[in-house]
């Protein structure tokens, strides 16, 4: 009789523990509250014939402390990231109307001249600017011979017969070097994307990330009457 009674009590405890855990999970509280509820439910509903080792409770409390510390660290990181994004937007927003230089592999052609530049690490006997339109057509602009150093070029879409649109751009050299291309133009817009990052619109270049800015050149001088 005693054996059957103990068995029933054990089963009842298990059912009660299950209900307590389900209640804790459905409470919608914080992680620490949930952890404490589960721990209390475990203590109350442990098997009387096989009580839980106290050292296990100590280990679980240690885990709780570590979990809370990690949760706070995550919250602080999220807050810091949000603050940095806001600061970046304010800083970049104040530069709208300024001339900036950005790295890009895409040009936004609208009939206006585009100031391009790139750096050669070795002399090039034959240097070619290659533009690829959305239709796949390639337009080659021969730039001739250039020595090591910075190369500046102003692209005139009208003179080259380039229709408005976006063009991929790259430089081919006689040494097979593929330098990064920079465009200098007016920063006309800064917007925040759905992911929380900033996106810049620069005249002559496609939309670029802030990390691709290589120089802030200031705002043009206002003409005096």
N, C-alpha and C. Protein backbone atom coordinates (compact mmCIF):
# COMPACT_ATOMS: atom_id res chain seq x y z
N UNK A 1 0.84 -1.20 0.00
CA UNK A 1 0.00 0.00 0.00
C UNK A 1 0.87 1.25 0.00
N UNK A 2 1.93 1.21 0.81
CA UNK A 2 2.80 2.37 0.90
C UNK A 2 3.50 2.61 -0.43
N UNK A 3 3.90 1.51 -1.07
CA UNK A 3 4.58 1.64 -2.36
C UNK A 3 3.68 2.28 -3.39
N UNK A 4 2.43 1.85 -3.45
CA UNK A 4 1.48 2.42 -4.40
C UNK A 4 1.23 3.89 -4.10
N UNK A 5 1.15 4.21 -2.79
CA UNK A 5 0.90 5.59 -2.40
C UNK A 5 2.05 6.49 -2.82
N UNK A 6 3.29 6.00 -2.66
CA UNK A 6 4.47 6.78 -3.04
C UNK A 6 4.51 6.99 -4.53
N UNK A 7 4.17 5.94 -5.27
CA UNK A 7 4.16 6.03 -6.73
C UNK A 7 3.16 7.08 -7.19
N UNK A 8 1.98 7.10 -6.57
CA UNK A 8 0.95 8.07 -6.95
C UNK A 8 1.41 9.48 -6.63
N UNK A 9 2.07 9.63 -5.47
CA UNK A 9 2.54 10.95 -5.07
C UNK A 9 3.58 11.47 -6.04
N UNK A 10 4.46 10.54 -6.47
CA UNK A 10 5.52 10.92 -7.40
C UNK A 10 4.94 11.37 -8.72
N UNK A 11 3.94 10.62 -9.21
CA UNK A 11 3.32 10.97 -10.48
C UNK A 11 2.61 12.31 -10.37
N UNK A 12 1.96 12.53 -9.20
CA UNK A 12 1.27 13.79 -9.00
C UNK A 12 2.22 14.96 -8.99
N UNK A 13 3.40 14.74 -8.38
CA UNK A 13 4.40 15.80 -8.34
C UNK A 13 4.86 16.14 -9.73
N UNK A 14 5.06 15.08 -10.55
CA UNK A 14 5.51 15.32 -11.93
C UNK A 14 4.50 16.12 -12.70
N UNK A 15 3.20 15.79 -12.51
CA UNK A 15 2.16 16.52 -13.24
C UNK A 15 2.12 17.97 -12.79
N UNK A 16 2.23 18.17 -11.44
CA UNK A 16 2.21 19.53 -10.92
C UNK A 16 3.39 20.33 -11.44
N UNK A 17 4.58 19.69 -11.49
CA UNK A 17 5.78 20.35 -12.00
C UNK A 17 5.61 20.75 -13.45
N UNK A 18 5.00 19.84 -14.21
CA UNK A 18 4.77 20.15 -15.63
C UNK A 18 3.86 21.35 -15.79
N UNK A 19 2.80 21.40 -14.93
CA UNK A 19 1.88 22.54 -15.00
C UNK A 19 2.58 23.84 -14.60
N UNK A 20 3.46 23.74 -13.59
CA UNK A 20 4.17 24.94 -13.14
C UNK A 20 5.09 25.46 -14.23
N UNK A 21 5.77 24.55 -14.91
CA UNK A 21 6.68 24.95 -15.99
C UNK A 21 5.91 25.58 -17.13
N UNK A 22 4.78 24.95 -17.46
CA UNK A 22 3.95 25.50 -18.55
C UNK A 22 3.47 26.89 -18.20
N UNK A 23 3.10 27.07 -16.91
CA UNK A 23 2.65 28.39 -16.46
C UNK A 23 3.76 29.41 -16.55
N UNK A 24 4.98 29.00 -16.18
CA UNK A 24 6.12 29.90 -16.22
C UNK A 24 6.44 30.31 -17.64
N UNK A 25 6.38 29.35 -18.56
CA UNK A 25 6.68 29.63 -19.96
C UNK A 25 5.65 30.55 -20.57
N UNK A 26 4.41 30.44 -20.10
CA UNK A 26 3.35 31.25 -20.69
C UNK A 26 3.19 32.60 -20.04
N UNK A 27 3.99 32.89 -19.02
CA UNK A 27 3.82 34.14 -18.29
C UNK A 27 4.28 35.36 -19.05
N UNK A 28 5.21 35.20 -19.98
CA UNK A 28 5.69 36.32 -20.76
C UNK A 28 6.57 37.27 -19.98
N UNK A 29 7.17 36.85 -18.84
CA UNK A 29 8.01 37.72 -18.06
C UNK A 29 9.43 37.77 -18.60
N UNK A 30 10.34 38.35 -17.79
CA UNK A 30 11.73 38.45 -18.20
C UNK A 30 12.41 37.10 -18.09
N UNK A 31 13.62 37.03 -18.64
CA UNK A 31 14.37 35.78 -18.60
C UNK A 31 14.66 35.37 -17.17
N UNK A 32 15.02 36.35 -16.31
CA UNK A 32 15.33 36.02 -14.92
C UNK A 32 14.10 35.53 -14.18
N UNK A 33 12.93 36.14 -14.43
CA UNK A 33 11.69 35.69 -13.79
C UNK A 33 11.36 34.26 -14.20
N UNK A 34 11.51 33.98 -15.48
CA UNK A 34 11.23 32.63 -15.98
C UNK A 34 12.17 31.62 -15.34
N UNK A 35 13.45 31.99 -15.21
CA UNK A 35 14.43 31.08 -14.64
C UNK A 35 14.08 30.77 -13.19
N UNK A 36 13.73 31.81 -12.42
CA UNK A 36 13.39 31.62 -11.01
C UNK A 36 12.14 30.76 -10.86
N UNK A 37 11.13 30.99 -11.69
CA UNK A 37 9.91 30.20 -11.63
C UNK A 37 10.19 28.72 -11.89
N UNK A 38 11.03 28.47 -12.88
CA UNK A 38 11.37 27.08 -13.19
C UNK A 38 12.15 26.44 -12.05
N UNK A 39 13.06 27.22 -11.43
CA UNK A 39 13.86 26.70 -10.33
C UNK A 39 12.97 26.37 -9.13
N UNK A 40 12.05 27.27 -8.80
CA UNK A 40 11.13 27.04 -7.67
C UNK A 40 10.24 25.83 -7.95
N UNK A 41 9.76 25.72 -9.19
CA UNK A 41 8.92 24.58 -9.56
C UNK A 41 9.70 23.28 -9.43
N UNK A 42 10.98 23.33 -9.78
CA UNK A 42 11.81 22.13 -9.68
C UNK A 42 12.00 21.71 -8.22
N UNK A 43 12.21 22.71 -7.33
CA UNK A 43 12.40 22.40 -5.91
C UNK A 43 11.12 21.83 -5.29
N UNK A 44 10.00 22.46 -5.59
CA UNK A 44 8.72 22.03 -5.00
C UNK A 44 8.28 20.66 -5.49
N UNK A 45 8.61 20.34 -6.70
CA UNK A 45 8.08 19.12 -7.31
C UNK A 45 9.13 18.04 -7.53
N UNK A 46 10.23 18.12 -6.79
CA UNK A 46 11.23 17.08 -6.92
C UNK A 46 10.72 15.76 -6.32
N UNK A 47 11.25 14.69 -6.76
CA UNK A 47 10.87 13.36 -6.29
C UNK A 47 11.31 13.20 -4.83
N UNK A 48 10.39 12.97 -3.89
CA UNK A 48 10.77 12.84 -2.48
C UNK A 48 11.78 11.72 -2.24
N UNK A 49 11.72 10.66 -3.05
CA UNK A 49 12.65 9.54 -2.89
C UNK A 49 14.02 9.82 -3.48
N UNK A 50 14.10 10.83 -4.37
CA UNK A 50 15.38 11.17 -5.00
C UNK A 50 15.53 12.69 -5.03
N UNK A 51 15.74 13.30 -3.87
CA UNK A 51 15.86 14.77 -3.83
C UNK A 51 17.04 15.27 -4.67
N UNK A 52 16.88 16.43 -5.24
CA UNK A 52 17.91 17.01 -6.09
C UNK A 52 19.12 17.43 -5.27
N UNK A 53 20.31 17.19 -5.80
CA UNK A 53 21.56 17.58 -5.14
C UNK A 53 21.59 19.11 -5.02
N UNK A 54 21.81 19.67 -3.81
CA UNK A 54 21.85 21.13 -3.64
C UNK A 54 22.86 21.82 -4.56
N UNK A 55 23.95 21.10 -4.89
CA UNK A 55 24.97 21.71 -5.75
C UNK A 55 24.41 22.03 -7.13
N UNK A 56 23.38 21.28 -7.55
CA UNK A 56 22.76 21.55 -8.84
C UNK A 56 22.04 22.89 -8.81
N UNK A 57 21.40 23.21 -7.66
CA UNK A 57 20.72 24.49 -7.54
C UNK A 57 21.74 25.64 -7.61
N UNK A 58 22.89 25.44 -6.95
CA UNK A 58 23.94 26.47 -6.98
C UNK A 58 24.41 26.70 -8.41
N UNK A 59 24.58 25.59 -9.15
CA UNK A 59 25.00 25.70 -10.54
C UNK A 59 23.97 26.44 -11.38
N UNK A 60 22.69 26.17 -11.10
CA UNK A 60 21.62 26.83 -11.86
C UNK A 60 21.56 28.32 -11.54
N UNK A 61 21.79 28.68 -10.27
CA UNK A 61 21.82 30.10 -9.91
C UNK A 61 22.99 30.81 -10.58
N UNK A 62 24.11 30.10 -10.70
CA UNK A 62 25.27 30.67 -11.41
C UNK A 62 24.93 30.92 -12.87
N UNK A 63 24.23 29.95 -13.47
CA UNK A 63 23.80 30.11 -14.86
C UNK A 63 22.86 31.31 -15.00
N UNK A 64 21.99 31.50 -14.00
CA UNK A 64 21.07 32.64 -14.03
C UNK A 64 21.86 33.95 -14.05
N UNK A 65 22.87 34.04 -13.19
CA UNK A 65 23.68 35.25 -13.12
C UNK A 65 24.37 35.52 -14.45
N UNK A 66 24.91 34.45 -15.05
CA UNK A 66 25.58 34.60 -16.34
C UNK A 66 24.60 35.01 -17.43
N UNK A 67 23.39 34.44 -17.36
CA UNK A 67 22.37 34.74 -18.36
C UNK A 67 21.94 36.20 -18.27
N UNK A 68 21.77 36.70 -17.03
CA UNK A 68 21.37 38.09 -16.84
C UNK A 68 22.46 39.04 -17.33
N UNK A 69 23.72 38.68 -17.06
CA UNK A 69 24.84 39.53 -17.50
C UNK A 69 24.89 39.59 -19.02
N UNK A 70 24.67 38.44 -19.67
CA UNK A 70 24.67 38.38 -21.13
C UNK A 70 23.51 39.18 -21.71
N UNK A 71 22.35 39.09 -21.04
CA UNK A 71 21.17 39.83 -21.50
C UNK A 71 21.42 41.34 -21.41
N UNK A 72 22.01 41.79 -20.31
CA UNK A 72 22.31 43.21 -20.15
C UNK A 72 23.33 43.67 -21.18
N UNK A 73 24.34 42.82 -21.45
CA UNK A 73 25.37 43.17 -22.43
C UNK A 73 24.75 43.32 -23.82
N UNK A 74 23.82 42.42 -24.15
CA UNK A 74 23.15 42.50 -25.45
C UNK A 74 22.33 43.78 -25.56
N UNK A 75 21.61 44.12 -24.48
CA UNK A 75 20.80 45.34 -24.49
C UNK A 75 21.68 46.57 -24.63
N UNK A 76 22.83 46.58 -23.94
CA UNK A 76 23.74 47.71 -24.04
C UNK A 76 24.31 47.84 -25.44
N UNK A 77 24.62 46.68 -26.06
CA UNK A 77 25.15 46.69 -27.43
C UNK A 77 24.13 47.24 -28.41
N UNK A 78 22.87 46.84 -28.23
CA UNK A 78 21.80 47.33 -29.12
C UNK A 78 21.62 48.84 -28.97
N UNK A 79 21.66 49.31 -27.73
CA UNK A 79 21.52 50.75 -27.48
C UNK A 79 22.68 51.53 -28.08
N UNK A 80 23.90 50.99 -27.92
CA UNK A 80 25.08 51.67 -28.46
C UNK A 80 25.03 51.73 -29.98
N UNK A 81 24.59 50.62 -30.62
CA UNK A 81 24.50 50.58 -32.08
C UNK A 81 23.48 51.60 -32.58
N UNK A 82 22.35 51.70 -31.87
CA UNK A 82 21.32 52.66 -32.25
C UNK A 82 21.82 54.09 -32.11
N UNK A 83 22.57 54.35 -31.04
CA UNK A 83 23.12 55.68 -30.81
C UNK A 83 24.13 56.04 -31.88
N UNK A 84 24.98 55.07 -32.25
CA UNK A 84 25.97 55.31 -33.29
C UNK A 84 25.31 55.60 -34.63
N UNK A 85 24.24 54.86 -34.95
CA UNK A 85 23.53 55.07 -36.21
C UNK A 85 22.92 56.47 -36.25
N UNK A 86 22.34 56.90 -35.12
CA UNK A 86 21.74 58.23 -35.05
C UNK A 86 22.80 59.32 -35.20
N UNK A 87 23.93 59.12 -34.53
CA UNK A 87 25.03 60.10 -34.62
C UNK A 87 25.56 60.18 -36.04
N UNK A 88 25.69 59.02 -36.68
CA UNK A 88 26.18 58.98 -38.06
C UNK A 88 25.23 59.71 -39.01
N UNK A 89 23.92 59.50 -38.81
CA UNK A 89 22.93 60.17 -39.65
C UNK A 89 23.01 61.68 -39.49
N UNK A 90 23.16 62.15 -38.24
CA UNK A 90 23.25 63.59 -37.99
C UNK A 90 24.51 64.16 -38.63
N UNK A 91 25.63 63.43 -38.50
CA UNK A 91 26.89 63.90 -39.06
C UNK A 91 26.83 63.97 -40.58
N UNK A 92 26.35 62.89 -41.20
CA UNK A 92 26.26 62.85 -42.66
C UNK A 92 25.22 63.84 -43.17
N UNK A 93 24.12 63.97 -42.43
CA UNK A 93 23.08 64.91 -42.85
C UNK A 93 23.60 66.34 -42.93
N UNK A 94 24.52 66.68 -42.04
CA UNK A 94 25.08 68.04 -42.05
C UNK A 94 25.99 68.27 -43.24
N UNK A 95 26.38 67.18 -43.93
CA UNK A 95 27.27 67.29 -45.08
C UNK A 95 26.52 67.33 -46.41
N UNK A 96 25.19 67.23 -46.38
CA UNK A 96 24.42 67.29 -47.62
C UNK A 96 24.69 68.64 -48.30
N UNK A 97 24.99 68.61 -49.59
CA UNK A 97 25.36 69.81 -50.32
C UNK A 97 26.86 69.96 -50.46
N UNK A 98 27.62 69.14 -49.71
CA UNK A 98 29.08 69.18 -49.79
C UNK A 98 29.58 68.29 -50.92
N UNK A 99 30.82 68.54 -51.32
CA UNK A 99 31.48 67.68 -52.30
C UNK A 99 32.18 66.55 -51.55
N UNK A 100 31.95 65.32 -51.98
CA UNK A 100 32.60 64.16 -51.36
C UNK A 100 33.21 63.29 -52.45
N UNK A 101 34.18 62.50 -52.05
CA UNK A 101 34.79 61.53 -52.96
C UNK A 101 34.49 60.14 -52.43
N UNK A 102 33.98 59.27 -53.30
CA UNK A 102 33.60 57.92 -52.88
C UNK A 102 34.15 56.89 -53.85
N UNK A 103 34.42 55.71 -53.33
CA UNK A 103 34.78 54.58 -54.19
C UNK A 103 33.50 53.96 -54.74
N UNK A 104 33.52 53.60 -56.01
CA UNK A 104 32.33 53.00 -56.61
C UNK A 104 32.70 52.20 -57.84
N UNK A 105 31.85 51.25 -58.19
CA UNK A 105 32.02 50.52 -59.44
C UNK A 105 30.82 50.75 -60.36
N UNK A 106 30.01 51.76 -60.01
CA UNK A 106 28.83 52.09 -60.79
C UNK A 106 28.70 53.60 -60.94
N UNK A 107 28.42 54.05 -62.15
CA UNK A 107 28.20 55.47 -62.40
C UNK A 107 26.72 55.71 -62.67
N UNK A 108 26.23 56.86 -62.21
CA UNK A 108 24.86 57.29 -62.50
C UNK A 108 24.96 58.43 -63.50
N UNK A 109 24.74 58.13 -64.76
CA UNK A 109 24.91 59.10 -65.84
C UNK A 109 23.59 59.83 -66.09
N UNK A 110 23.67 61.17 -66.10
CA UNK A 110 22.46 61.97 -66.38
C UNK A 110 22.76 63.13 -67.31
N UNK A 111 23.85 63.03 -68.06
CA UNK A 111 24.21 64.08 -69.01
C UNK A 111 25.23 65.06 -68.48
N UNK A 112 25.43 65.10 -67.15
CA UNK A 112 26.39 66.02 -66.55
C UNK A 112 27.78 65.38 -66.48
N UNK A 113 28.85 66.18 -66.60
CA UNK A 113 30.21 65.64 -66.49
C UNK A 113 30.42 64.97 -65.13
N UNK A 114 31.22 63.92 -65.11
CA UNK A 114 31.50 63.17 -63.88
C UNK A 114 33.00 63.17 -63.65
N UNK A 115 33.43 63.62 -62.47
CA UNK A 115 34.85 63.66 -62.12
C UNK A 115 35.28 62.30 -61.58
N UNK A 116 36.18 61.65 -62.30
CA UNK A 116 36.68 60.33 -61.91
C UNK A 116 38.14 60.41 -61.51
N UNK A 117 38.58 59.43 -60.75
CA UNK A 117 39.98 59.34 -60.39
C UNK A 117 40.34 57.93 -59.97
N UNK A 118 41.61 57.58 -60.13
CA UNK A 118 42.11 56.29 -59.66
C UNK A 118 43.61 56.40 -59.48
N UNK A 119 44.20 55.43 -58.80
CA UNK A 119 45.63 55.44 -58.51
C UNK A 119 46.30 54.24 -59.15
N UNK A 120 47.40 54.50 -59.86
CA UNK A 120 48.18 53.42 -60.48
C UNK A 120 49.43 53.14 -59.65
N UNK A 121 49.67 51.88 -59.38
CA UNK A 121 50.87 51.49 -58.63
C UNK A 121 52.07 51.23 -59.53
N UNK A 122 51.83 51.23 -60.84
CA UNK A 122 52.91 51.03 -61.81
C UNK A 122 52.55 51.74 -63.10
N UNK A 123 53.56 52.00 -63.95
CA UNK A 123 53.31 52.68 -65.22
C UNK A 123 52.43 51.82 -66.12
N UNK A 124 51.54 52.48 -66.85
CA UNK A 124 50.65 51.76 -67.77
C UNK A 124 50.80 52.36 -69.17
N UNK A 125 51.24 51.53 -70.11
CA UNK A 125 51.42 51.99 -71.49
C UNK A 125 50.08 52.19 -72.19
N UNK A 126 49.07 51.48 -71.74
CA UNK A 126 47.74 51.59 -72.33
C UNK A 126 46.70 51.52 -71.22
N UNK A 127 45.97 52.59 -71.03
CA UNK A 127 44.98 52.67 -69.96
C UNK A 127 43.61 52.91 -70.57
N UNK A 128 42.64 52.09 -70.19
CA UNK A 128 41.31 52.19 -70.79
C UNK A 128 40.23 52.20 -69.72
N UNK A 129 39.30 53.13 -69.85
CA UNK A 129 38.13 53.18 -68.98
C UNK A 129 37.00 52.44 -69.68
N UNK A 130 36.44 51.43 -69.03
CA UNK A 130 35.41 50.60 -69.65
C UNK A 130 34.08 50.81 -68.92
N UNK A 131 33.07 51.22 -69.67
CA UNK A 131 31.73 51.43 -69.11
C UNK A 131 30.79 50.37 -69.68
N UNK A 132 30.00 49.75 -68.82
CA UNK A 132 29.06 48.72 -69.25
C UNK A 132 27.65 49.14 -68.89
N UNK A 133 26.80 49.30 -69.93
CA UNK A 133 25.43 49.74 -69.71
C UNK A 133 24.54 48.62 -69.22
N UNK A 134 23.31 48.96 -68.85
CA UNK A 134 22.36 47.96 -68.36
C UNK A 134 21.99 46.97 -69.45
N UNK A 135 22.21 47.35 -70.72
CA UNK A 135 21.93 46.45 -71.84
C UNK A 135 23.10 45.54 -72.15
N UNK A 136 24.19 45.67 -71.39
CA UNK A 136 25.36 44.84 -71.61
C UNK A 136 26.35 45.41 -72.59
N UNK A 137 26.00 46.50 -73.25
CA UNK A 137 26.91 47.12 -74.22
C UNK A 137 28.10 47.76 -73.50
N UNK A 138 29.31 47.54 -74.05
CA UNK A 138 30.53 48.07 -73.44
C UNK A 138 31.01 49.29 -74.22
N UNK A 139 31.38 50.33 -73.48
CA UNK A 139 31.89 51.56 -74.09
C UNK A 139 33.31 51.76 -73.57
N UNK A 140 34.27 51.80 -74.48
CA UNK A 140 35.68 51.90 -74.09
C UNK A 140 36.17 53.32 -74.35
N UNK A 141 36.80 53.88 -73.32
CA UNK A 141 37.36 55.23 -73.42
C UNK A 141 38.87 55.11 -73.22
N UNK A 142 39.63 55.38 -74.29
CA UNK A 142 41.08 55.25 -74.21
C UNK A 142 41.68 56.45 -73.49
N UNK A 143 42.46 56.17 -72.46
CA UNK A 143 43.08 57.23 -71.67
C UNK A 143 44.57 57.36 -71.93
N UNK A 144 45.13 56.47 -72.76
CA UNK A 144 46.53 56.57 -73.15
C UNK A 144 47.50 56.07 -72.10
N UNK A 145 48.72 56.64 -72.14
CA UNK A 145 49.80 56.23 -71.24
C UNK A 145 49.78 57.05 -69.95
N UNK A 146 49.97 56.36 -68.84
CA UNK A 146 50.01 57.05 -67.55
C UNK A 146 51.09 56.44 -66.67
N UNK A 147 51.78 57.31 -65.95
CA UNK A 147 52.81 56.85 -65.03
C UNK A 147 52.20 56.53 -63.66
N UNK A 148 53.02 55.97 -62.80
CA UNK A 148 52.58 55.66 -61.44
C UNK A 148 52.06 56.92 -60.75
N UNK A 149 50.95 56.78 -60.06
CA UNK A 149 50.39 57.92 -59.33
C UNK A 149 48.91 58.08 -59.58
N UNK A 150 48.39 59.23 -59.19
CA UNK A 150 46.96 59.50 -59.33
C UNK A 150 46.63 59.93 -60.76
N UNK A 151 45.51 59.44 -61.24
CA UNK A 151 45.01 59.80 -62.58
C UNK A 151 43.63 60.43 -62.41
N UNK A 152 43.44 61.60 -63.00
CA UNK A 152 42.16 62.30 -62.95
C UNK A 152 41.57 62.35 -64.36
N UNK A 153 40.27 62.18 -64.44
CA UNK A 153 39.61 62.23 -65.75
C UNK A 153 38.17 62.69 -65.56
N UNK A 154 37.73 63.60 -66.42
CA UNK A 154 36.34 64.07 -66.38
C UNK A 154 35.57 63.42 -67.52
N UNK A 155 34.60 62.62 -67.16
CA UNK A 155 33.78 61.91 -68.15
C UNK A 155 32.66 62.83 -68.64
N UNK A 156 32.60 63.02 -69.97
CA UNK A 156 31.56 63.85 -70.57
C UNK A 156 30.57 62.94 -71.30
N UNK A 157 29.46 62.59 -70.68
CA UNK A 157 28.51 61.66 -71.30
C UNK A 157 27.98 62.13 -72.65
N UNK A 158 27.78 63.44 -72.80
CA UNK A 158 27.25 63.96 -74.06
C UNK A 158 28.24 63.75 -75.19
N UNK A 159 29.51 64.06 -74.94
CA UNK A 159 30.53 63.90 -75.97
C UNK A 159 30.72 62.44 -76.35
N UNK A 160 30.52 61.55 -75.39
CA UNK A 160 30.70 60.11 -75.64
C UNK A 160 29.42 59.45 -76.14
N UNK A 161 28.32 60.19 -76.16
CA UNK A 161 27.06 59.63 -76.62
C UNK A 161 26.46 58.62 -75.66
N UNK A 162 26.66 58.83 -74.36
CA UNK A 162 26.13 57.90 -73.36
C UNK A 162 24.72 58.32 -72.95
N UNK A 163 23.79 57.41 -73.05
CA UNK A 163 22.41 57.68 -72.64
C UNK A 163 22.33 57.70 -71.11
N UNK A 164 21.39 58.44 -70.54
CA UNK A 164 21.22 58.44 -69.08
C UNK A 164 20.95 57.03 -68.55
N UNK A 165 21.46 56.76 -67.38
CA UNK A 165 21.27 55.44 -66.77
C UNK A 165 22.47 55.07 -65.92
N UNK A 166 22.47 53.85 -65.46
CA UNK A 166 23.57 53.35 -64.63
C UNK A 166 24.53 52.52 -65.47
N UNK A 167 25.82 52.72 -65.21
CA UNK A 167 26.86 52.02 -65.96
C UNK A 167 27.88 51.43 -64.98
N UNK A 168 28.23 50.18 -65.20
CA UNK A 168 29.35 49.61 -64.46
C UNK A 168 30.62 50.24 -64.99
N UNK A 169 31.61 50.45 -64.14
CA UNK A 169 32.83 51.11 -64.58
C UNK A 169 34.05 50.38 -64.02
N UNK A 170 35.08 50.25 -64.86
CA UNK A 170 36.33 49.65 -64.44
C UNK A 170 37.46 50.19 -65.29
N UNK A 171 38.68 50.01 -64.82
CA UNK A 171 39.86 50.48 -65.55
C UNK A 171 40.71 49.27 -65.94
N UNK A 172 41.12 49.24 -67.20
CA UNK A 172 42.02 48.20 -67.69
C UNK A 172 43.37 48.84 -67.97
N UNK A 173 44.45 48.17 -67.56
CA UNK A 173 45.80 48.69 -67.78
C UNK A 173 46.66 47.65 -68.47
N UNK A 174 47.79 48.10 -69.00
CA UNK A 174 48.70 47.18 -69.69
C UNK A 174 49.38 46.23 -68.71
N UNK A 175 49.35 46.55 -67.42
CA UNK A 175 49.98 45.70 -66.41
C UNK A 175 48.97 44.80 -65.71
N UNK A 176 47.73 44.79 -66.21
CA UNK A 176 46.65 43.99 -65.63
C UNK A 176 46.23 44.46 -64.24
N UNK A 177 46.65 45.67 -63.89
CA UNK A 177 46.23 46.24 -62.61
C UNK A 177 44.77 46.68 -62.71
N UNK A 178 44.02 46.51 -61.64
CA UNK A 178 42.61 46.91 -61.62
C UNK A 178 42.38 47.88 -60.46
N UNK A 179 42.71 49.15 -60.66
CA UNK A 179 42.61 50.12 -59.56
C UNK A 179 41.16 50.43 -59.18
N UNK A 180 40.98 50.78 -57.92
CA UNK A 180 39.66 51.21 -57.45
C UNK A 180 39.35 52.58 -58.04
N UNK A 181 38.10 52.78 -58.42
CA UNK A 181 37.69 54.04 -59.06
C UNK A 181 36.96 54.91 -58.05
N UNK A 182 37.28 56.19 -58.07
CA UNK A 182 36.63 57.15 -57.19
C UNK A 182 35.86 58.18 -58.02
N UNK A 183 34.75 58.61 -57.48
CA UNK A 183 33.94 59.67 -58.09
C UNK A 183 33.82 60.81 -57.09
N UNK A 184 34.03 62.02 -57.58
CA UNK A 184 33.86 63.20 -56.74
C UNK A 184 32.61 63.94 -57.20
N UNK A 185 31.67 64.12 -56.29
CA UNK A 185 30.42 64.78 -56.64
C UNK A 185 29.72 65.30 -55.40
N UNK A 186 28.58 65.92 -55.61
CA UNK A 186 27.83 66.50 -54.49
C UNK A 186 27.02 65.43 -53.76
N UNK A 187 27.10 65.46 -52.44
CA UNK A 187 26.27 64.58 -51.61
C UNK A 187 24.88 65.20 -51.59
N UNK A 188 23.92 64.54 -52.23
CA UNK A 188 22.59 65.13 -52.37
C UNK A 188 21.55 64.57 -51.41
N UNK A 189 21.82 63.40 -50.84
CA UNK A 189 20.80 62.79 -49.98
C UNK A 189 21.42 61.76 -49.06
N UNK A 190 20.89 61.68 -47.85
CA UNK A 190 21.27 60.64 -46.89
C UNK A 190 19.98 60.04 -46.35
N UNK A 191 19.84 58.73 -46.45
CA UNK A 191 18.63 58.11 -45.92
C UNK A 191 18.98 56.86 -45.11
N UNK A 192 18.05 56.48 -44.25
CA UNK A 192 18.21 55.31 -43.39
C UNK A 192 17.47 54.14 -44.01
N UNK A 193 18.15 53.03 -44.21
CA UNK A 193 17.53 51.85 -44.81
C UNK A 193 16.74 51.08 -43.76
N UNK A 194 16.00 50.07 -44.21
CA UNK A 194 15.21 49.26 -43.30
C UNK A 194 16.06 48.51 -42.30
N UNK A 195 17.32 48.23 -42.65
CA UNK A 195 18.21 47.51 -41.75
C UNK A 195 18.88 48.43 -40.74
N UNK A 196 18.62 49.74 -40.86
CA UNK A 196 19.20 50.68 -39.90
C UNK A 196 20.50 51.31 -40.33
N UNK A 197 21.00 50.98 -41.53
CA UNK A 197 22.25 51.56 -42.02
C UNK A 197 21.96 52.76 -42.92
N UNK A 198 22.94 53.65 -43.04
CA UNK A 198 22.78 54.84 -43.87
C UNK A 198 23.15 54.53 -45.31
N UNK A 199 22.49 55.22 -46.24
CA UNK A 199 22.76 55.07 -47.66
C UNK A 199 22.86 56.47 -48.26
N UNK A 200 23.93 56.71 -49.02
CA UNK A 200 24.21 58.03 -49.56
C UNK A 200 23.94 58.09 -51.05
N UNK A 201 23.43 59.23 -51.50
CA UNK A 201 23.29 59.49 -52.93
C UNK A 201 24.29 60.57 -53.29
N UNK A 202 25.22 60.24 -54.19
CA UNK A 202 26.27 61.16 -54.61
C UNK A 202 26.15 61.38 -56.11
N UNK A 203 26.16 62.63 -56.54
CA UNK A 203 26.04 62.94 -57.96
C UNK A 203 27.15 62.25 -58.75
N UNK A 204 26.75 61.52 -59.78
CA UNK A 204 27.72 60.82 -60.63
C UNK A 204 27.97 59.39 -60.22
N UNK A 205 27.63 59.06 -58.99
CA UNK A 205 27.83 57.69 -58.49
C UNK A 205 26.48 57.09 -58.12
N UNK A 206 26.43 55.79 -58.10
CA UNK A 206 25.22 55.13 -57.62
C UNK A 206 25.15 55.31 -56.10
N UNK A 207 24.11 54.84 -55.47
CA UNK A 207 24.00 54.95 -54.02
C UNK A 207 25.11 54.12 -53.36
N UNK A 208 25.74 54.69 -52.35
CA UNK A 208 26.90 54.05 -51.72
C UNK A 208 26.75 54.04 -50.21
N UNK A 209 27.50 53.15 -49.57
CA UNK A 209 27.56 53.07 -48.12
C UNK A 209 28.53 54.13 -47.58
N UNK A 210 28.32 54.62 -46.36
CA UNK A 210 29.21 55.63 -45.78
C UNK A 210 30.67 55.19 -45.75
N UNK A 211 30.91 53.89 -45.59
CA UNK A 211 32.28 53.40 -45.51
C UNK A 211 33.07 53.57 -46.79
N UNK A 212 32.38 53.89 -47.90
CA UNK A 212 33.06 54.07 -49.19
C UNK A 212 33.49 55.52 -49.42
N UNK A 213 33.18 56.40 -48.47
CA UNK A 213 33.66 57.79 -48.59
C UNK A 213 35.16 57.82 -48.33
N UNK A 214 35.91 58.45 -49.24
CA UNK A 214 37.36 58.57 -49.05
C UNK A 214 37.78 60.00 -48.75
N UNK A 215 36.88 60.97 -48.99
CA UNK A 215 37.24 62.36 -48.70
C UNK A 215 35.99 63.24 -48.62
N UNK A 216 36.01 64.17 -47.67
CA UNK A 216 35.02 65.25 -47.61
C UNK A 216 35.73 66.50 -48.14
N UNK A 217 35.21 67.08 -49.20
CA UNK A 217 35.89 68.19 -49.86
C UNK A 217 35.29 69.56 -49.53
N UNK A 218 34.29 69.58 -48.66
CA UNK A 218 33.68 70.84 -48.26
C UNK A 218 32.59 71.31 -49.20
N UNK A 219 31.88 72.34 -48.78
CA UNK A 219 30.82 72.90 -49.60
C UNK A 219 31.38 73.97 -50.53
N UNK A 220 30.83 74.07 -51.73
CA UNK A 220 31.33 75.08 -52.67
C UNK A 220 31.11 76.48 -52.12
N UNK A 221 32.05 77.36 -52.45
CA UNK A 221 31.94 78.74 -51.97
C UNK A 221 30.72 79.41 -52.58
N UNK A 222 30.02 80.17 -51.77
CA UNK A 222 28.84 80.89 -52.24
C UNK A 222 29.27 82.14 -53.01
N UNK A 223 28.75 82.28 -54.21
CA UNK A 223 29.13 83.42 -55.04
C UNK A 223 28.58 84.71 -54.44
N UNK A 224 29.42 85.73 -54.38
CA UNK A 224 28.99 87.02 -53.84
C UNK A 224 28.45 87.89 -54.97
N UNK A 225 27.37 88.63 -54.72
CA UNK A 225 26.79 89.46 -55.77
C UNK A 225 27.69 90.64 -56.14
